[in-house]
C-alpha atoms as a PDB file:
ATOM      1  CA  MET A   1      33.662 109.496  86.082  1.00  0.00           C
ATOM      2  CA  LYS A   2      35.783 111.725  88.333  1.00  0.00           C
ATOM      3  CA  THR A   3      38.942 110.119  86.993  1.00  0.00           C
ATOM      4  CA  VAL A   4      37.949 110.881  83.410  1.00  0.00           C
ATOM      5  CA  SER A   5      37.121 114.490  84.295  1.00  0.00           C
ATOM      6  CA  ARG A   6      40.434 114.952  86.098  1.00  0.00           C
ATOM      7  CA  ARG A   7      42.345 113.456  83.177  1.00  0.00           C
ATOM      8  CA  LEU A   8      40.476 115.665  80.744  1.00  0.00           C
ATOM      9  CA  LEU A   9      41.117 118.735  82.882  1.00  0.00           C
ATOM     10  CA  SER A  10      44.826 117.948  83.247  1.00  0.00           C
ATOM     11  CA  THR A  11      45.103 117.317  79.497  1.00  0.00           C
ATOM     12  CA  LEU A  12      43.447 120.655  78.737  1.00  0.00           C
ATOM     13  CA  MET A  13      45.750 122.430  81.183  1.00  0.00           C
ATOM     14  CA  VAL A  14      48.764 121.026  79.348  1.00  0.00           C
ATOM     15  CA  ALA A  15      47.359 121.610  75.836  1.00  0.00           C
ATOM     16  CA  ALA A  16      46.031 125.158  76.340  1.00  0.00           C
ATOM     17  CA  PRO A  17      49.445 126.886  76.321  1.00  0.00           C
ATOM     18  CA  LEU A  18      50.429 124.897  73.236  1.00  0.00           C
ATOM     19  CA  LEU A  19      47.282 126.002  71.438  1.00  0.00           C
ATOM     20  CA  CYS A  20      48.088 129.621  72.302  1.00  0.00           C
ATOM     21  CA  LEU A  21      51.602 129.204  70.922  1.00  0.00           C
ATOM     22  CA  ALA A  22      50.221 127.722  67.723  1.00  0.00           C
ATOM     23  CA  GLY A  23      48.128 130.849  67.238  1.00  0.00           C
ATOM     24  CA  THR A  24      51.200 133.008  67.765  1.00  0.00           C
ATOM     25  CA  SER A  25      53.200 131.172  65.100  1.00  0.00           C
ATOM     26  CA  VAL A  26      50.412 131.712  62.590  1.00  0.00           C
ATOM     27  CA  ALA A  27      50.587 135.460  63.270  1.00  0.00           C
ATOM     28  CA  GLU A  28      54.359 135.432  62.883  1.00  0.00           C
ATOM     29  CA  GLU A  29      54.105 133.668  59.532  1.00  0.00           C
ATOM     30  CA  THR A  30      52.229 136.657  58.105  1.00  0.00           C
ATOM     31  CA  THR A  31      55.487 138.652  58.039  1.00  0.00           C
ATOM     32  CA  ARG A  32      57.640 137.712  55.051  1.00  0.00           C
ATOM     33  CA  LEU A  33      61.367 138.524  55.081  1.00  0.00           C
ATOM     34  CA  PHE A  34      63.447 139.576  52.075  1.00  0.00           C
ATOM     35  CA  LYS A  35      67.066 140.516  51.546  1.00  0.00           C
ATOM     36  CA  ILE A  36      67.641 143.751  49.638  1.00  0.00           C
ATOM     37  CA  ILE A  37      71.054 143.712  47.966  1.00  0.00           C
ATOM     38  CA  THR A  38      72.667 146.810  46.458  1.00  0.00           C
ATOM     39  CA  VAL A  39      76.150 147.629  45.223  1.00  0.00           C
ATOM     40  CA  LYS A  40      77.066 149.065  48.646  1.00  0.00           C
ATOM     41  CA  ASP A  41      75.317 146.817  51.175  1.00  0.00           C
ATOM     42  CA  GLU A  42      72.448 144.521  51.987  1.00  0.00           C
ATOM     43  CA  ILE A  43      69.639 144.600  54.537  1.00  0.00           C
ATOM     44  CA  VAL A  44      66.804 142.325  55.587  1.00  0.00           C
ATOM     45  CA  VAL A  45      63.315 143.781  55.341  1.00  0.00           C
ATOM     46  CA  GLY A  46      59.934 142.436  56.319  1.00  0.00           C
ATOM     47  CA  LEU A  47      56.541 142.815  54.729  1.00  0.00           C
ATOM     48  CA  SER A  48      53.769 143.274  57.258  1.00  0.00           C
ATOM     49  CA  PRO A  49      50.176 142.593  56.182  1.00  0.00           C
ATOM     50  CA  GLN A  50      49.753 146.370  55.676  1.00  0.00           C
ATOM     51  CA  ASP A  51      52.866 146.487  53.462  1.00  0.00           C
ATOM     52  CA  ILE A  52      51.603 143.512  51.444  1.00  0.00           C
ATOM     53  CA  ALA A  53      48.322 145.343  50.817  1.00  0.00           C
ATOM     54  CA  ALA A  54      50.154 148.562  49.874  1.00  0.00           C
ATOM     55  CA  ILE A  55      52.436 146.954  47.279  1.00  0.00           C
ATOM     56  CA  GLY A  56      49.935 144.399  46.026  1.00  0.00           C
ATOM     57  CA  GLY A  57      51.681 141.143  46.877  1.00  0.00           C
ATOM     58  CA  ASN A  58      54.064 139.278  49.149  1.00  0.00           C
ATOM     59  CA  ASP A  59      56.847 138.104  46.855  1.00  0.00           C
ATOM     60  CA  VAL A  60      59.942 139.482  45.137  1.00  0.00           C
ATOM     61  CA  THR A  61      57.968 140.330  42.000  1.00  0.00           C
ATOM     62  CA  ALA A  62      55.565 142.540  43.947  1.00  0.00           C
ATOM     63  CA  ILE A  63      58.464 144.390  45.588  1.00  0.00           C
ATOM     64  CA  GLY A  64      60.225 144.875  42.242  1.00  0.00           C
ATOM     65  CA  ARG A  65      57.021 146.034  40.562  1.00  0.00           C
ATOM     66  CA  ALA A  66      56.300 148.515  43.383  1.00  0.00           C
ATOM     67  CA  LEU A  67      59.840 149.911  43.201  1.00  0.00           C
ATOM     68  CA  LYS A  68      59.570 150.335  39.440  1.00  0.00           C
ATOM     69  CA  GLU A  69      56.082 151.895  39.488  1.00  0.00           C
ATOM     70  CA  LYS A  70      56.387 154.057  42.603  1.00  0.00           C
ATOM     71  CA  GLY A  71      60.129 154.740  42.613  1.00  0.00           C
ATOM     72  CA  GLU A  72      60.316 154.064  46.363  1.00  0.00           C
ATOM     73  CA  ILE A  73      58.589 152.005  49.039  1.00  0.00           C
ATOM     74  CA  THR A  74      58.786 152.028  52.822  1.00  0.00           C
ATOM     75  CA  LEU A  75      59.226 148.735  54.700  1.00  0.00           C
ATOM     76  CA  TRP A  76      60.443 147.468  58.067  1.00  0.00           C
ATOM     77  CA  ARG A  77      64.180 146.762  58.373  1.00  0.00           C
ATOM     78  CA  TYR A  78      64.704 143.612  60.440  1.00  0.00           C
ATOM     79  CA  ALA A  79      67.601 142.778  62.722  1.00  0.00           C
ATOM     80  CA  VAL A  80      68.519 140.033  65.156  1.00  0.00           C
ATOM     81  CA  ARG A  81      67.938 140.804  68.831  1.00  0.00           C
ATOM     82  CA  LYS A  82      67.662 138.961  72.129  1.00  0.00           C
ATOM     83  CA  ALA A  83      64.165 138.316  73.442  1.00  0.00           C
ATOM     84  CA  PRO A  84      63.428 138.780  77.152  1.00  0.00           C
ATOM     85  CA  ASP A  85      63.873 135.001  77.589  1.00  0.00           C
ATOM     86  CA  GLY A  86      67.390 135.198  76.077  1.00  0.00           C
ATOM     87  CA  GLN A  87      66.538 133.570  72.743  1.00  0.00           C
ATOM     88  CA  LEU A  88      67.533 135.242  69.481  1.00  0.00           C
ATOM     89  CA  GLU A  89      64.758 136.529  67.226  1.00  0.00           C
ATOM     90  CA  GLN A  90      64.297 138.528  64.005  1.00  0.00           C
ATOM     91  CA  ALA A  91      62.526 141.747  64.936  1.00  0.00           C
ATOM     92  CA  PRO A  92      61.604 145.018  63.241  1.00  0.00           C
ATOM     93  CA  ALA A  93      64.277 147.640  63.928  1.00  0.00           C
ATOM     94  CA  ALA A  94      63.157 150.686  61.930  1.00  0.00           C
ATOM     95  CA  ARG A  95      61.136 151.811  58.941  1.00  0.00           C
ATOM     96  CA  VAL A  96      63.339 152.296  55.869  1.00  0.00           C
ATOM     97  CA  SER A  97      62.648 153.718  52.445  1.00  0.00           C
ATOM     98  CA  LEU A  98      63.870 151.720  49.455  1.00  0.00           C
ATOM     99  CA  LEU A  99      64.614 153.662  46.304  1.00  0.00           C
ATOM    100  CA  GLY A 100      64.228 152.021  42.925  1.00  0.00           C
ATOM    101  CA  HIS A 101      67.546 151.526  41.137  1.00  0.00           C
ATOM    102  CA  ASP A 102      68.788 149.258  38.362  1.00  0.00           C
ATOM    103  CA  SER A 103      71.306 147.567  40.648  1.00  0.00           C
ATOM    104  CA  VAL A 104      68.854 146.623  43.457  1.00  0.00           C
ATOM    105  CA  ARG A 105      68.275 142.902  43.861  1.00  0.00           C
ATOM    106  CA  VAL A 106      65.510 141.401  46.020  1.00  0.00           C
ATOM    107  CA  GLU A 107      65.729 137.821  47.321  1.00  0.00           C
ATOM    108  CA  PRO A 108      63.527 135.820  49.685  1.00  0.00           C
ATOM    109  CA  TYR A 109      65.149 135.461  53.102  1.00  0.00           C
ATOM    110  CA  ALA A 110      64.603 132.452  55.348  1.00  0.00           C
ATOM    111  CA  SER A 111      65.481 132.990  58.989  1.00  0.00           C
ATOM    112  CA  PRO A 112      65.928 130.089  61.386  1.00  0.00           C
ATOM    113  CA  LEU A 113      64.902 132.468  64.173  1.00  0.00           C
ATOM    114  CA  LYS A 114      61.466 133.396  65.452  1.00  0.00           C
ATOM    115  CA  ILE A 115      60.080 136.315  63.388  1.00  0.00           C
ATOM    116  CA  ILE A 116      58.381 139.119  65.323  1.00  0.00           C
ATOM    117  CA  SER A 117      55.623 141.024  63.525  1.00  0.00           C
ATOM    118  CA  PRO A 118      55.613 144.835  63.638  1.00  0.00           C
ATOM    119  CA  GLN A 119      53.193 146.248  66.204  1.00  0.00           C
END
């Protein structure tokens, strides 16, 4: 019986950090990234859960509709940075205002890096 308890305890000690990490990745998946392309430049923006609620969706159509209806929306600009552990990650850099214009194009953006949600 002691052997089973020790094995169970050691298994839980190994699995607990992994379960915590799994919860973190779910939180990170709530931030969706998009590339905003204009005639002059392009930036990567992220939709936080609050932004999704404000514009009424989490896809390119919702962003386009919000730009057309409101004329401008404010989102998080994302940039690559080094985490404290040295790994690269996509993180919010600043709030930016997007102005509706006929030449603005919005595309989904897939990052191979860990995505950090705005605080």
